Protein backbone atom coordinates (compact mmCIF):
# COMPACT_ATOMS: atom_id res chain seq x y z
CA MET A 1 198.45 128.79 107.09
CA GLU A 2 199.24 131.96 108.96
CA ARG A 3 195.74 131.85 110.40
CA ILE A 4 196.63 128.67 112.25
CA GLY A 5 199.35 130.58 114.09
CA LEU A 6 197.04 133.53 114.75
CA ALA A 7 194.31 131.31 116.18
CA ALA A 8 196.81 129.35 118.28
CA SER A 9 198.38 132.52 119.68
CA LYS A 10 194.99 133.93 120.66
CA MET A 11 194.02 130.70 122.41
CA SER A 12 197.36 130.17 124.19
CA LYS A 13 197.69 133.77 125.49
CA GLY A 14 201.48 133.78 125.60
CA ASN A 15 202.13 130.21 126.76
CA LEU A 16 204.62 128.67 124.32
CA LEU A 17 203.78 125.05 125.14
CA LEU A 18 200.07 125.63 124.68
CA TYR A 19 200.78 127.53 121.45
CA ASN A 20 202.63 124.53 119.98
CA ILE A 21 199.92 122.12 121.15
CA TYR A 22 197.22 124.29 119.58
CA VAL A 23 199.16 124.55 116.32
CA VAL A 24 199.38 120.76 116.08
CA LEU A 25 195.74 120.34 117.11
CA ILE A 26 194.33 122.93 114.70
CA SER A 27 196.38 121.77 111.74
CA SER A 28 195.58 118.11 112.41
CA LEU A 29 191.86 118.80 112.67
CA PHE A 30 191.94 120.82 109.47
CA ALA A 31 193.90 118.06 107.70
CA PHE A 32 191.35 115.48 108.89
CA PHE A 33 188.51 117.69 107.63
CA ILE A 34 190.19 118.04 104.24
CA PHE A 35 190.83 114.28 104.12
CA VAL A 36 187.18 113.45 104.83
CA ILE A 37 185.77 115.93 102.31
CA THR A 38 188.25 115.04 99.57
CA GLY A 39 188.01 111.31 100.30
CA ALA A 40 184.23 111.39 99.97
CA THR A 41 184.58 113.23 96.67
CA ILE A 42 187.09 110.69 95.37
CA VAL A 43 184.89 107.75 96.38
CA PHE A 44 181.87 109.39 94.75
CA ALA A 45 183.85 109.96 91.54
CA LEU A 46 185.12 106.38 91.50
CA VAL A 47 181.61 105.01 92.00
CA LEU A 48 180.33 107.23 89.23
CA ILE A 49 183.13 106.12 86.89
CA SER A 50 182.47 102.49 87.79
CA TYR A 51 178.76 102.73 87.02
CA ILE A 52 179.32 104.63 83.78
CA GLY A 53 182.11 102.27 82.74
CA SER A 54 180.11 99.15 83.40
CA GLY A 55 176.81 100.50 82.08
CA LEU A 56 177.86 102.23 78.88
CA MET A 57 181.14 100.62 77.91
CA GLY A 58 180.85 97.16 79.42
CA PHE A 59 183.99 97.37 81.57
CA ASN A 60 184.01 95.27 84.71
CA PHE A 61 185.54 97.10 87.69
CA GLU A 62 184.41 94.55 90.31
CA SER A 63 187.83 92.95 90.76
CA LYS A 64 189.85 96.17 90.38
CA TRP A 65 187.69 98.40 92.60
CA PRO A 66 189.54 97.74 95.92
CA LYS A 67 192.97 98.30 94.35
CA ILE A 68 191.95 101.55 92.65
CA ALA A 69 190.22 102.91 95.75
CA SER A 70 193.09 101.97 98.08
CA PHE A 71 195.65 103.59 95.75
CA CYS A 72 193.61 106.80 95.55
CA MET A 73 193.10 106.98 99.32
CA ALA A 74 196.77 106.19 100.01
CA SER A 75 197.81 108.98 97.63
CA LEU A 76 195.39 111.35 99.34
CA THR A 77 196.77 110.35 102.74
CA VAL A 78 200.34 111.13 101.65
CA MET A 79 199.32 114.54 100.30
CA VAL A 80 197.38 115.45 103.46
CA VAL A 81 200.28 114.35 105.67
CA PHE A 82 202.72 116.52 103.71
CA PHE A 83 200.35 119.47 103.94
CA ASN A 84 199.95 118.93 107.69
CA ILE A 85 203.70 118.66 108.30
CA PHE A 86 204.28 121.82 106.25
CA ALA A 87 201.59 123.73 108.19
CA ILE A 88 203.00 122.60 111.54
CA SER A 89 206.60 123.37 110.61
CA LYS A 90 205.63 126.83 109.39
CA ASN A 91 203.75 127.76 112.57
CA ILE A 92 205.64 126.05 115.38
CA LYS A 93 207.85 128.18 117.62
CA LEU A 94 210.80 126.91 119.60
CA LYS A 95 211.69 130.17 121.36
CA LYS A 96 209.45 132.86 122.68
CA ASP A 97 209.72 136.11 120.69
């Protein structure tokens, strides 16, 4: 997370407003990247579990699939938001050093 601040300070070149904007932009883009990669992995795992469960064990996930997927993605969203808020709060500056 310190690298976010380092990258933002190199891009802003001493401008405090630009530094804070870059911190928010970089951390939000990274959080979106993590959300997409992890979300795709979760969906792939749920599809795999659904096929294995219905093929080998005879479970029917057709009616429960939207609820399970929405719960997993909502949980992932909450975790990514907390990570993003923590990264922004750690790197934002209110006064120039």
